[in-house]
Amino acid sequence: MKINVHNSSAFLLILLNTIATSQASSNGSIPAFQSFFNFLPKSFSPPSTATNPQQIQLENTLLETITNNSKRLDNSQEINAIVEQLEQSNWGISEPAISPQVKGLWRLLHTNNAETASPIQRKAVDASKYNIYQDIVLRRNDDSSNSNSNTDTDTVTDANVLPTLIVSQVVKFGDKAQLAVDALASTSQYPLEELTTRQGTGKILGINILGVSKVGEDAKEDSSRPNSRIDFVFDEGNFNFNGFKVPYPVPFRLPIFRDAVKGWIDITYLSERIRISRGNKGTTFVLLKEDEGNQA
């Protein structure tokens, strides 16, 4: 069976645009699920548990600068400079990929426009009226077939069976509509045998469809930042419209595509409220820790 990935990608872009158009035209305005930036007060700064005044101030400056920028996808030199200051400081949590603080729900605030990123990713991220989350959770392997069977570390009681680390990408179109794409993840704490080193850049016939990844020497983990990388492989995805599920139109599990849907994120800064990550396709992400009850 021949799968046309280009048509699948086009289908996704059309569907995203259709949802946005229909929602806006139904009431003449963008609905209640406006982006983070549209309802976040200019002076807003989430509370920090950090005790270093300089760290708190720099984090607050980053959040305020992102809010004032109002674009989630942007190559702002001002934001990049603050990001680099935090990355180069020694204030972040050490070994972030295996730290308990990395787990949980994170809201995407800002990302840069890397030319090597997937066109689908750039389109979805640029649609800032949609809230985008990354949920890092553990899933018990005895119910891994159930996509809702996520659990916290403290509830895993069988010492002989390690749970699977899941990194779930969630795009919220409204209270009753979302896209969730799950990736199986691997760290030194929760290793996954399948996650061997990615071999190909991801170009298909020389075209950037799924994004262009670093490989080989360029993809080596920074030895000065131990346990900062989370490897992953996308596994499945679904649109969910008030309980009605439509499969995400990319065949992640087909062997011919399995290498192309592998990736990693290097966590270059982590605190109780902010996470900065750099991905295998050259993209930088700034995320804010959320209480799961506040997801909207």
C-alpha atoms as a PDB file:
ATOM      1  CA  MET A   1       0.000   0.000   0.000  1.00  0.00           C
ATOM      2  CA  LYS A   2       1.399   3.369  -0.991  1.00  0.00           C
ATOM      3  CA  ILE A   3       0.954   6.229   1.505  1.00  0.00           C
ATOM      4  CA  ASN A   4       1.117   9.785   0.217  1.00  0.00           C
ATOM      5  CA  VAL A   5       2.598  11.750   3.092  1.00  0.00           C
ATOM      6  CA  HIS A   6       2.350  15.024   1.187  1.00  0.00           C
ATOM      7  CA  ASN A   7      -1.415  14.594   0.806  1.00  0.00           C
ATOM      8  CA  SER A   8      -1.705  13.692   4.490  1.00  0.00           C
ATOM      9  CA  SER A   9       0.134  16.885   5.421  1.00  0.00           C
ATOM     10  CA  ALA A  10      -2.079  18.924   3.140  1.00  0.00           C
ATOM     11  CA  PHE A  11      -5.155  17.337   4.714  1.00  0.00           C
ATOM     12  CA  LEU A  12      -3.999  18.433   8.169  1.00  0.00           C
ATOM     13  CA  LEU A  13      -3.379  22.030   7.067  1.00  0.00           C
ATOM     14  CA  ILE A  14      -6.800  22.209   5.408  1.00  0.00           C
ATOM     15  CA  LEU A  15      -8.475  20.789   8.516  1.00  0.00           C
ATOM     16  CA  LEU A  16      -6.742  23.286  10.819  1.00  0.00           C
ATOM     17  CA  ASN A  17      -7.784  26.157   8.569  1.00  0.00           C
ATOM     18  CA  THR A  18     -11.376  24.864   8.303  1.00  0.00           C
ATOM     19  CA  ILE A  19     -11.740  24.671  12.083  1.00  0.00           C
ATOM     20  CA  ALA A  20     -10.434  28.204  12.514  1.00  0.00           C
ATOM     21  CA  THR A  21     -12.678  29.599   9.759  1.00  0.00           C
ATOM     22  CA  SER A  22     -15.838  27.887  10.953  1.00  0.00           C
ATOM     23  CA  GLN A  23     -15.298  28.901  14.576  1.00  0.00           C
ATOM     24  CA  ALA A  24     -14.685  32.533  13.696  1.00  0.00           C
ATOM     25  CA  SER A  25     -17.586  32.807  11.253  1.00  0.00           C
ATOM     26  CA  SER A  26     -20.075  31.271  13.694  1.00  0.00           C
ATOM     27  CA  ASN A  27     -20.011  34.250  16.015  1.00  0.00           C
ATOM     28  CA  GLY A  28     -18.053  36.877  14.140  1.00  0.00           C
ATOM     29  CA  SER A  29     -15.015  36.635  16.364  1.00  0.00           C
ATOM     30  CA  ILE A  30     -12.403  34.249  17.652  1.00  0.00           C
ATOM     31  CA  PRO A  31     -14.033  32.037  20.355  1.00  0.00           C
ATOM     32  CA  ALA A  32     -13.272  31.649  24.043  1.00  0.00           C
ATOM     33  CA  PHE A  33     -10.171  29.516  23.489  1.00  0.00           C
ATOM     34  CA  GLN A  34      -8.117  32.556  22.510  1.00  0.00           C
ATOM     35  CA  SER A  35      -4.392  32.216  22.754  1.00  0.00           C
ATOM     36  CA  PHE A  36      -2.442  32.603  25.929  1.00  0.00           C
ATOM     37  CA  PHE A  37      -1.257  35.994  24.765  1.00  0.00           C
ATOM     38  CA  ASN A  38      -4.721  37.440  24.222  1.00  0.00           C
ATOM     39  CA  PHE A  39      -5.839  37.105  27.812  1.00  0.00           C
ATOM     40  CA  LEU A  40      -2.547  37.209  29.719  1.00  0.00           C
ATOM     41  CA  PRO A  41      -2.186  40.604  31.432  1.00  0.00           C
ATOM     42  CA  LYS A  42       0.892  42.536  30.395  1.00  0.00           C
ATOM     43  CA  SER A  43       2.149  42.585  33.969  1.00  0.00           C
ATOM     44  CA  PHE A  44       1.446  38.892  34.574  1.00  0.00           C
ATOM     45  CA  SER A  45       4.276  36.797  35.956  1.00  0.00           C
ATOM     46  CA  PRO A  46       3.527  33.316  37.349  1.00  0.00           C
ATOM     47  CA  PRO A  47       4.860  32.791  40.873  1.00  0.00           C
ATOM     48  CA  SER A  48       8.306  31.305  41.180  1.00  0.00           C
ATOM     49  CA  THR A  49       9.630  29.025  43.897  1.00  0.00           C
ATOM     50  CA  ALA A  50      13.199  30.058  43.076  1.00  0.00           C
ATOM     51  CA  THR A  51      15.113  31.913  45.787  1.00  0.00           C
ATOM     52  CA  ASN A  52      17.694  33.613  43.554  1.00  0.00           C
ATOM     53  CA  PRO A  53      16.459  37.183  42.903  1.00  0.00           C
ATOM     54  CA  GLN A  54      18.430  37.429  39.649  1.00  0.00           C
ATOM     55  CA  GLN A  55      16.913  34.184  38.381  1.00  0.00           C
ATOM     56  CA  ILE A  56      13.391  35.309  39.251  1.00  0.00           C
ATOM     57  CA  GLN A  57      13.939  38.686  37.608  1.00  0.00           C
ATOM     58  CA  LEU A  58      15.332  37.187  34.405  1.00  0.00           C
ATOM     59  CA  GLU A  59      12.504  34.642  34.177  1.00  0.00           C
ATOM     60  CA  ASN A  60       9.969  37.430  34.695  1.00  0.00           C
ATOM     61  CA  THR A  61      11.666  39.488  31.995  1.00  0.00           C
ATOM     62  CA  LEU A  62      11.452  36.565  29.590  1.00  0.00           C
ATOM     63  CA  LEU A  63       7.743  36.047  30.275  1.00  0.00           C
ATOM     64  CA  GLU A  64       6.962  39.756  29.944  1.00  0.00           C
ATOM     65  CA  THR A  65       8.972  40.054  26.720  1.00  0.00           C
ATOM     66  CA  ILE A  66       7.155  37.080  25.197  1.00  0.00           C
ATOM     67  CA  THR A  67       3.788  38.505  26.245  1.00  0.00           C
ATOM     68  CA  ASN A  68       4.571  41.923  24.777  1.00  0.00           C
ATOM     69  CA  ASN A  69       5.793  40.306  21.555  1.00  0.00           C
ATOM     70  CA  SER A  70       2.363  38.615  21.079  1.00  0.00           C
ATOM     71  CA  LYS A  71       3.720  36.212  18.422  1.00  0.00           C
ATOM     72  CA  ARG A  72       4.262  32.617  19.431  1.00  0.00           C
ATOM     73  CA  LEU A  73       6.354  31.876  16.341  1.00  0.00           C
ATOM     74  CA  ASP A  74       9.027  34.532  15.984  1.00  0.00           C
ATOM     75  CA  ASN A  75      12.786  35.046  15.660  1.00  0.00           C
ATOM     76  CA  SER A  76      12.934  37.863  18.196  1.00  0.00           C
ATOM     77  CA  GLN A  77      16.543  38.743  19.001  1.00  0.00           C
ATOM     78  CA  GLU A  78      15.435  40.145  22.367  1.00  0.00           C
ATOM     79  CA  ILE A  79      13.789  36.870  23.384  1.00  0.00           C
ATOM     80  CA  ASN A  80      16.706  34.825  22.069  1.00  0.00           C
ATOM     81  CA  ALA A  81      19.151  36.878  24.141  1.00  0.00           C
ATOM     82  CA  ILE A  82      17.213  36.262  27.366  1.00  0.00           C
ATOM     83  CA  VAL A  83      16.886  32.564  26.532  1.00  0.00           C
ATOM     84  CA  GLU A  84      20.645  32.304  26.086  1.00  0.00           C
ATOM     85  CA  GLN A  85      21.263  34.077  29.387  1.00  0.00           C
ATOM     86  CA  LEU A  86      19.151  31.526  31.228  1.00  0.00           C
ATOM     87  CA  GLU A  87      20.780  28.648  29.354  1.00  0.00           C
ATOM     88  CA  GLN A  88      24.259  29.847  30.231  1.00  0.00           C
ATOM     89  CA  SER A  89      23.457  30.452  33.889  1.00  0.00           C
ATOM     90  CA  ASN A  90      23.869  27.762  36.517  1.00  0.00           C
ATOM     91  CA  TRP A  91      20.412  28.423  37.976  1.00  0.00           C
ATOM     92  CA  GLY A  92      18.520  25.647  36.222  1.00  0.00           C
ATOM     93  CA  ILE A  93      17.678  22.251  37.710  1.00  0.00           C
ATOM     94  CA  SER A  94      20.495  19.790  37.039  1.00  0.00           C
ATOM     95  CA  GLU A  95      19.923  16.632  34.979  1.00  0.00           C
ATOM     96  CA  PRO A  96      16.563  18.024  33.832  1.00  0.00           C
ATOM     97  CA  ALA A  97      15.497  15.099  31.632  1.00  0.00           C
ATOM     98  CA  ILE A  98      15.266  12.802  34.649  1.00  0.00           C
ATOM     99  CA  SER A  99      14.130  15.427  37.157  1.00  0.00           C
ATOM    100  CA  PRO A 100      10.620  15.010  38.631  1.00  0.00           C
ATOM    101  CA  GLN A 101       9.977  18.658  37.752  1.00  0.00           C
ATOM    102  CA  VAL A 102      10.070  17.938  34.017  1.00  0.00           C
ATOM    103  CA  LYS A 103       6.927  15.826  34.162  1.00  0.00           C
ATOM    104  CA  GLY A 104       3.534  17.410  33.856  1.00  0.00           C
ATOM    105  CA  LEU A 105       1.657  19.773  31.581  1.00  0.00           C
ATOM    106  CA  TRP A 106       3.556  22.577  29.820  1.00  0.00           C
ATOM    107  CA  ARG A 107       2.082  25.346  27.671  1.00  0.00           C
ATOM    108  CA  LEU A 108       4.043  26.513  24.633  1.00  0.00           C
ATOM    109  CA  LEU A 109       4.719  30.247  24.857  1.00  0.00           C
ATOM    110  CA  HIS A 110       7.320  30.855  22.180  1.00  0.00           C
ATOM    111  CA  THR A 111       9.283  29.101  19.468  1.00  0.00           C
ATOM    112  CA  ASN A 112      11.606  30.320  16.753  1.00  0.00           C
ATOM    113  CA  ASN A 113      10.972  29.903  13.042  1.00  0.00           C
ATOM    114  CA  ALA A 114      13.622  27.370  12.077  1.00  0.00           C
ATOM    115  CA  GLU A 115      13.648  26.634   8.342  1.00  0.00           C
ATOM    116  CA  THR A 116      14.409  22.997   9.112  1.00  0.00           C
ATOM    117  CA  ALA A 117      11.201  22.535  11.136  1.00  0.00           C
ATOM    118  CA  SER A 118       8.268  20.635   9.684  1.00  0.00           C
ATOM    119  CA  PRO A 119       5.892  22.819   7.630  1.00  0.00           C
ATOM    120  CA  ILE A 120       3.032  21.235   9.603  1.00  0.00           C
ATOM    121  CA  GLN A 121       4.713  22.232  12.866  1.00  0.00           C
ATOM    122  CA  ARG A 122       5.262  25.808  11.696  1.00  0.00           C
ATOM    123  CA  LYS A 123       1.661  26.118  10.504  1.00  0.00           C
ATOM    124  CA  ALA A 124       0.194  24.765  13.751  1.00  0.00           C
ATOM    125  CA  VAL A 125       2.472  26.836  15.992  1.00  0.00           C
ATOM    126  CA  ASP A 126       1.870  30.011  13.994  1.00  0.00           C
ATOM    127  CA  ALA A 127      -1.889  29.633  14.520  1.00  0.00           C
ATOM    128  CA  SER A 128      -1.580  31.352  17.905  1.00  0.00           C
ATOM    129  CA  LYS A 129      -5.337  31.325  18.553  1.00  0.00           C
ATOM    130  CA  TYR A 130      -4.870  27.642  19.463  1.00  0.00           C
ATOM    131  CA  ASN A 131      -3.285  26.728  22.777  1.00  0.00           C
ATOM    132  CA  ILE A 132      -0.529  24.148  22.436  1.00  0.00           C
ATOM    133  CA  TYR A 133       0.626  21.931  25.274  1.00  0.00           C
ATOM    134  CA  GLN A 134       3.275  19.319  25.878  1.00  0.00           C
ATOM    135  CA  ASP A 135       2.364  16.714  28.462  1.00  0.00           C
ATOM    136  CA  ILE A 136       5.200  14.576  29.852  1.00  0.00           C
ATOM    137  CA  VAL A 137       3.772  11.599  31.700  1.00  0.00           C
ATOM    138  CA  LEU A 138       4.373   7.967  32.596  1.00  0.00           C
ATOM    139  CA  ARG A 139       2.175   5.190  31.250  1.00  0.00           C
ATOM    140  CA  ARG A 140       1.913   1.783  32.866  1.00  0.00           C
ATOM    141  CA  ASN A 141       2.911  -0.871  30.369  1.00  0.00           C
ATOM    142  CA  ASP A 142       0.143  -3.222  31.471  1.00  0.00           C
ATOM    143  CA  ASP A 143      -2.395  -0.763  30.020  1.00  0.00           C
ATOM    144  CA  SER A 144      -0.286   0.889  27.332  1.00  0.00           C
ATOM    145  CA  SER A 145      -3.005   0.225  24.759  1.00  0.00           C
ATOM    146  CA  ASN A 146      -5.198   2.726  26.589  1.00  0.00           C
ATOM    147  CA  SER A 147      -4.208   6.229  25.544  1.00  0.00           C
ATOM    148  CA  ASN A 148      -5.759   7.644  28.714  1.00  0.00           C
ATOM    149  CA  SER A 149      -3.874   5.364  31.106  1.00  0.00           C
ATOM    150  CA  ASN A 150      -1.233   7.893  32.099  1.00  0.00           C
ATOM    151  CA  THR A 151       0.062   7.920  35.628  1.00  0.00           C
ATOM    152  CA  ASP A 152       2.530   9.651  37.901  1.00  0.00           C
ATOM    153  CA  THR A 153       5.821   8.186  39.096  1.00  0.00           C
ATOM    154  CA  ASP A 154       4.535   7.777  42.648  1.00  0.00           C
ATOM    155  CA  THR A 155       1.708   5.470  41.541  1.00  0.00           C
ATOM    156  CA  VAL A 156       3.960   2.960  39.773  1.00  0.00           C
ATOM    157  CA  THR A 157       4.335   0.144  42.279  1.00  0.00           C
ATOM    158  CA  ASP A 158       5.729  -2.779  40.270  1.00  0.00           C
ATOM    159  CA  ALA A 159       9.499  -2.414  40.505  1.00  0.00           C
ATOM    160  CA  ASN A 160      10.014  -5.126  37.868  1.00  0.00           C
ATOM    161  CA  VAL A 161       8.074  -3.315  35.129  1.00  0.00           C
ATOM    162  CA  LEU A 162       9.233   0.160  34.156  1.00  0.00           C
ATOM    163  CA  PRO A 163       6.496   2.443  32.868  1.00  0.00           C
ATOM    164  CA  THR A 164       6.852   4.075  29.466  1.00  0.00           C
ATOM    165  CA  LEU A 165       7.662   7.757  29.295  1.00  0.00           C
ATOM    166  CA  ILE A 166       5.226   9.572  26.989  1.00  0.00           C
ATOM    167  CA  VAL A 167       5.621  13.035  25.499  1.00  0.00           C
ATOM    168  CA  SER A 168       2.224  14.090  24.212  1.00  0.00           C
ATOM    169  CA  GLN A 169       1.735  17.114  21.943  1.00  0.00           C
ATOM    170  CA  VAL A 170      -1.759  18.598  22.382  1.00  0.00           C
ATOM    171  CA  VAL A 171      -3.382  21.319  20.271  1.00  0.00           C
ATOM    172  CA  LYS A 172      -6.617  22.624  21.785  1.00  0.00           C
ATOM    173  CA  PHE A 173      -9.162  23.932  19.276  1.00  0.00           C
ATOM    174  CA  GLY A 174     -11.758  24.533  21.985  1.00  0.00           C
ATOM    175  CA  ASP A 175     -13.357  22.942  25.011  1.00  0.00           C
ATOM    176  CA  LYS A 176     -14.493  19.936  22.960  1.00  0.00           C
ATOM    177  CA  ALA A 177     -11.939  19.680  20.175  1.00  0.00           C
ATOM    178  CA  GLN A 178      -8.256  18.850  20.234  1.00  0.00           C
ATOM    179  CA  LEU A 179      -5.430  17.059  18.469  1.00  0.00           C
ATOM    180  CA  ALA A 180      -3.160  14.838  20.563  1.00  0.00           C
ATOM    181  CA  VAL A 181      -0.032  13.207  19.139  1.00  0.00           C
ATOM    182  CA  ASP A 182       1.796  10.828  21.459  1.00  0.00           C
ATOM    183  CA  ALA A 183       5.495  10.027  21.278  1.00  0.00           C
ATOM    184  CA  LEU A 184       7.225   7.173  23.077  1.00  0.00           C
ATOM    185  CA  ALA A 185      10.150   8.696  24.943  1.00  0.00           C
ATOM    186  CA  SER A 186      13.432   7.490  26.400  1.00  0.00           C
ATOM    187  CA  THR A 187      15.844   8.740  29.057  1.00  0.00           C
ATOM    188  CA  SER A 188      18.489   7.049  31.195  1.00  0.00           C
ATOM    189  CA  GLN A 189      15.801   6.647  33.849  1.00  0.00           C
ATOM    190  CA  TYR A 190      13.195   5.187  31.489  1.00  0.00           C
ATOM    191  CA  PRO A 191      15.113   3.669  28.559  1.00  0.00           C
ATOM    192  CA  LEU A 192      13.297   2.474  25.456  1.00  0.00           C
ATOM    193  CA  GLU A 193      15.131  -0.134  23.374  1.00  0.00           C
ATOM    194  CA  GLU A 194      13.435   0.864  20.132  1.00  0.00           C
ATOM    195  CA  LEU A 195      14.969   4.322  20.242  1.00  0.00           C
ATOM    196  CA  THR A 196      18.149   3.696  18.348  1.00  0.00           C
ATOM    197  CA  THR A 197      20.076   6.572  16.788  1.00  0.00           C
ATOM    198  CA  ARG A 198      18.272   8.341  13.985  1.00  0.00           C
ATOM    199  CA  GLN A 199      19.978   7.760  10.628  1.00  0.00           C
ATOM    200  CA  GLY A 200      18.282  10.033   8.091  1.00  0.00           C
ATOM    201  CA  THR A 201      17.678  13.776   7.975  1.00  0.00           C
ATOM    202  CA  GLY A 202      14.022  13.236   7.086  1.00  0.00           C
ATOM    203  CA  LYS A 203      13.952  14.803   3.645  1.00  0.00           C
ATOM    204  CA  ILE A 204      11.771  12.906   1.179  1.00  0.00           C
ATOM    205  CA  LEU A 205      13.020  13.206  -2.401  1.00  0.00           C
ATOM    206  CA  GLY A 206      14.971  16.243  -1.221  1.00  0.00           C
ATOM    207  CA  ILE A 207      11.819  17.959   0.091  1.00  0.00           C
ATOM    208  CA  ASN A 208      11.210  19.105   3.672  1.00  0.00           C
ATOM    209  CA  ILE A 209       7.875  17.458   4.525  1.00  0.00           C
ATOM    210  CA  LEU A 210       8.338  16.142   8.057  1.00  0.00           C
ATOM    211  CA  GLY A 211      11.209  18.458   9.010  1.00  0.00           C
ATOM    212  CA  VAL A 212      14.975  18.157   8.614  1.00  0.00           C
ATOM    213  CA  SER A 213      16.798  16.625  11.556  1.00  0.00           C
ATOM    214  CA  LYS A 214      20.371  16.866  12.736  1.00  0.00           C
ATOM    215  CA  VAL A 215      22.173  13.535  12.430  1.00  0.00           C
ATOM    216  CA  GLY A 216      25.639  12.123  13.062  1.00  0.00           C
ATOM    217  CA  GLU A 217      28.129  14.374  14.800  1.00  0.00           C
ATOM    218  CA  ASP A 218      25.711  17.310  14.757  1.00  0.00           C
ATOM    219  CA  ALA A 219      23.221  15.275  16.773  1.00  0.00           C
ATOM    220  CA  LYS A 220      25.539  14.240  19.601  1.00  0.00           C
ATOM    221  CA  GLU A 221      24.417  15.109  23.115  1.00  0.00           C
ATOM    222  CA  ASP A 222      26.323  17.848  24.934  1.00  0.00           C
ATOM    223  CA  SER A 223      28.531  16.021  27.431  1.00  0.00           C
ATOM    224  CA  SER A 224      28.631  19.106  29.658  1.00  0.00           C
ATOM    225  CA  ARG A 225      24.870  18.766  30.203  1.00  0.00           C
ATOM    226  CA  PRO A 226      24.343  15.179  31.453  1.00  0.00           C
ATOM    227  CA  ASN A 227      20.807  13.764  31.405  1.00  0.00           C
ATOM    228  CA  SER A 228      19.413  16.729  29.518  1.00  0.00           C
ATOM    229  CA  ARG A 229      18.069  14.858  26.475  1.00  0.00           C
ATOM    230  CA  ILE A 230      14.739  13.146  25.950  1.00  0.00           C
ATOM    231  CA  ASP A 231      14.711  10.935  22.866  1.00  0.00           C
ATOM    232  CA  PHE A 232      11.344  10.143  21.329  1.00  0.00           C
ATOM    233  CA  VAL A 233       9.551   8.502  18.434  1.00  0.00           C
ATOM    234  CA  PHE A 234       6.078   9.608  17.385  1.00  0.00           C
ATOM    235  CA  ASP A 235       3.683   6.690  17.727  1.00  0.00           C
ATOM    236  CA  GLU A 236       0.052   7.686  17.259  1.00  0.00           C
ATOM    237  CA  GLY A 237      -2.259  10.644  17.075  1.00  0.00           C
ATOM    238  CA  ASN A 238      -5.948  11.456  17.036  1.00  0.00           C
ATOM    239  CA  PHE A 239      -8.254  14.393  16.521  1.00  0.00           C
ATOM    240  CA  ASN A 240     -10.933  14.339  19.189  1.00  0.00           C
ATOM    241  CA  PHE A 241     -14.169  16.199  18.476  1.00  0.00           C
ATOM    242  CA  ASN A 242     -16.318  15.884  21.613  1.00  0.00           C
ATOM    243  CA  GLY A 243     -15.465  12.184  21.902  1.00  0.00           C
ATOM    244  CA  PHE A 244     -15.473  11.424  18.168  1.00  0.00           C
ATOM    245  CA  LYS A 245     -11.933  10.474  17.186  1.00  0.00           C
ATOM    246  CA  VAL A 246     -10.335  10.850  13.763  1.00  0.00           C
ATOM    247  CA  PRO A 247      -6.841   9.331  13.282  1.00  0.00           C
ATOM    248  CA  TYR A 248      -4.019  11.746  12.593  1.00  0.00           C
ATOM    249  CA  PRO A 249      -3.153  11.228   8.916  1.00  0.00           C
ATOM    250  CA  VAL A 250       0.527  10.324   9.259  1.00  0.00           C
ATOM    251  CA  PRO A 251       1.401   6.589   9.496  1.00  0.00           C
ATOM    252  CA  PHE A 252       3.950   6.842  12.307  1.00  0.00           C
ATOM    253  CA  ARG A 253       4.245   3.084  12.802  1.00  0.00           C
ATOM    254  CA  LEU A 254       5.025   2.119   9.217  1.00  0.00           C
ATOM    255  CA  PRO A 255       8.637   0.838   9.127  1.00  0.00           C
ATOM    256  CA  ILE A 256       9.440   3.030   6.127  1.00  0.00           C
ATOM    257  CA  PHE A 257       8.669   6.162   8.193  1.00  0.00           C
ATOM    258  CA  ARG A 258       9.836   5.008  11.634  1.00  0.00           C
ATOM    259  CA  ASP A 259      13.273   6.585  11.407  1.00  0.00           C
ATOM    260  CA  ALA A 260      11.830   9.860  10.083  1.00  0.00           C
ATOM    261  CA  VAL A 261       9.550  10.288  13.104  1.00  0.00           C
ATOM    262  CA  LYS A 262      12.346   9.885  15.656  1.00  0.00           C
ATOM    263  CA  GLY A 263      13.672  12.965  17.395  1.00  0.00           C
ATOM    264  CA  TRP A 264      14.924  14.470  20.616  1.00  0.00           C
ATOM    265  CA  ILE A 265      14.744  17.560  22.774  1.00  0.00           C
ATOM    266  CA  ASP A 266      17.647  18.878  24.809  1.00  0.00           C
ATOM    267  CA  ILE A 267      16.405  20.640  27.922  1.00  0.00           C
ATOM    268  CA  THR A 268      18.771  23.577  28.242  1.00  0.00           C
ATOM    269  CA  TYR A 269      17.009  25.250  31.166  1.00  0.00           C
ATOM    270  CA  LEU A 270      14.484  23.967  33.685  1.00  0.00           C
ATOM    271  CA  SER A 271      12.908  25.586  36.726  1.00  0.00           C
ATOM    272  CA  GLU A 272       9.657  25.001  38.574  1.00  0.00           C
ATOM    273  CA  ARG A 273       7.808  27.192  36.073  1.00  0.00           C
ATOM    274  CA  ILE A 274       9.864  27.548  32.870  1.00  0.00           C
ATOM    275  CA  ARG A 275      11.388  25.002  30.502  1.00  0.00           C
ATOM    276  CA  ILE A 276      13.613  25.858  27.545  1.00  0.00           C
ATOM    277  CA  SER A 277      14.309  23.082  25.044  1.00  0.00           C
ATOM    278  CA  ARG A 278      16.113  22.767  21.732  1.00  0.00           C
ATOM    279  CA  GLY A 279      14.919  20.129  19.296  1.00  0.00           C
ATOM    280  CA  ASN A 280      16.605  17.901  16.746  1.00  0.00           C
ATOM    281  CA  LYS A 281      15.296  20.119  13.920  1.00  0.00           C
ATOM    282  CA  GLY A 282      16.935  23.273  15.246  1.00  0.00           C
ATOM    283  CA  THR A 283      13.901  24.753  16.947  1.00  0.00           C
ATOM    284  CA  THR A 284      13.953  26.430  20.369  1.00  0.00           C
ATOM    285  CA  PHE A 285      10.904  26.132  22.623  1.00  0.00           C
ATOM    286  CA  VAL A 286       9.931  28.144  25.702  1.00  0.00           C
ATOM    287  CA  LEU A 287       7.207  26.548  27.814  1.00  0.00           C
ATOM    288  CA  LEU A 288       5.359  27.468  31.001  1.00  0.00           C
ATOM    289  CA  LYS A 289       4.361  24.880  33.631  1.00  0.00           C
ATOM    290  CA  GLU A 290       0.591  24.563  33.912  1.00  0.00           C
ATOM    291  CA  ASP A 291      -1.746  23.169  36.487  1.00  0.00           C
ATOM    292  CA  GLU A 292      -3.627  20.438  34.639  1.00  0.00           C
ATOM    293  CA  GLY A 293      -6.928  21.858  35.818  1.00  0.00           C
ATOM    294  CA  ASN A 294      -6.158  25.104  33.984  1.00  0.00           C
ATOM    295  CA  GLN A 295      -5.843  23.479  30.559  1.00  0.00           C
ATOM    296  CA  ALA A 296      -8.299  25.186  28.195  1.00  0.00           C
END
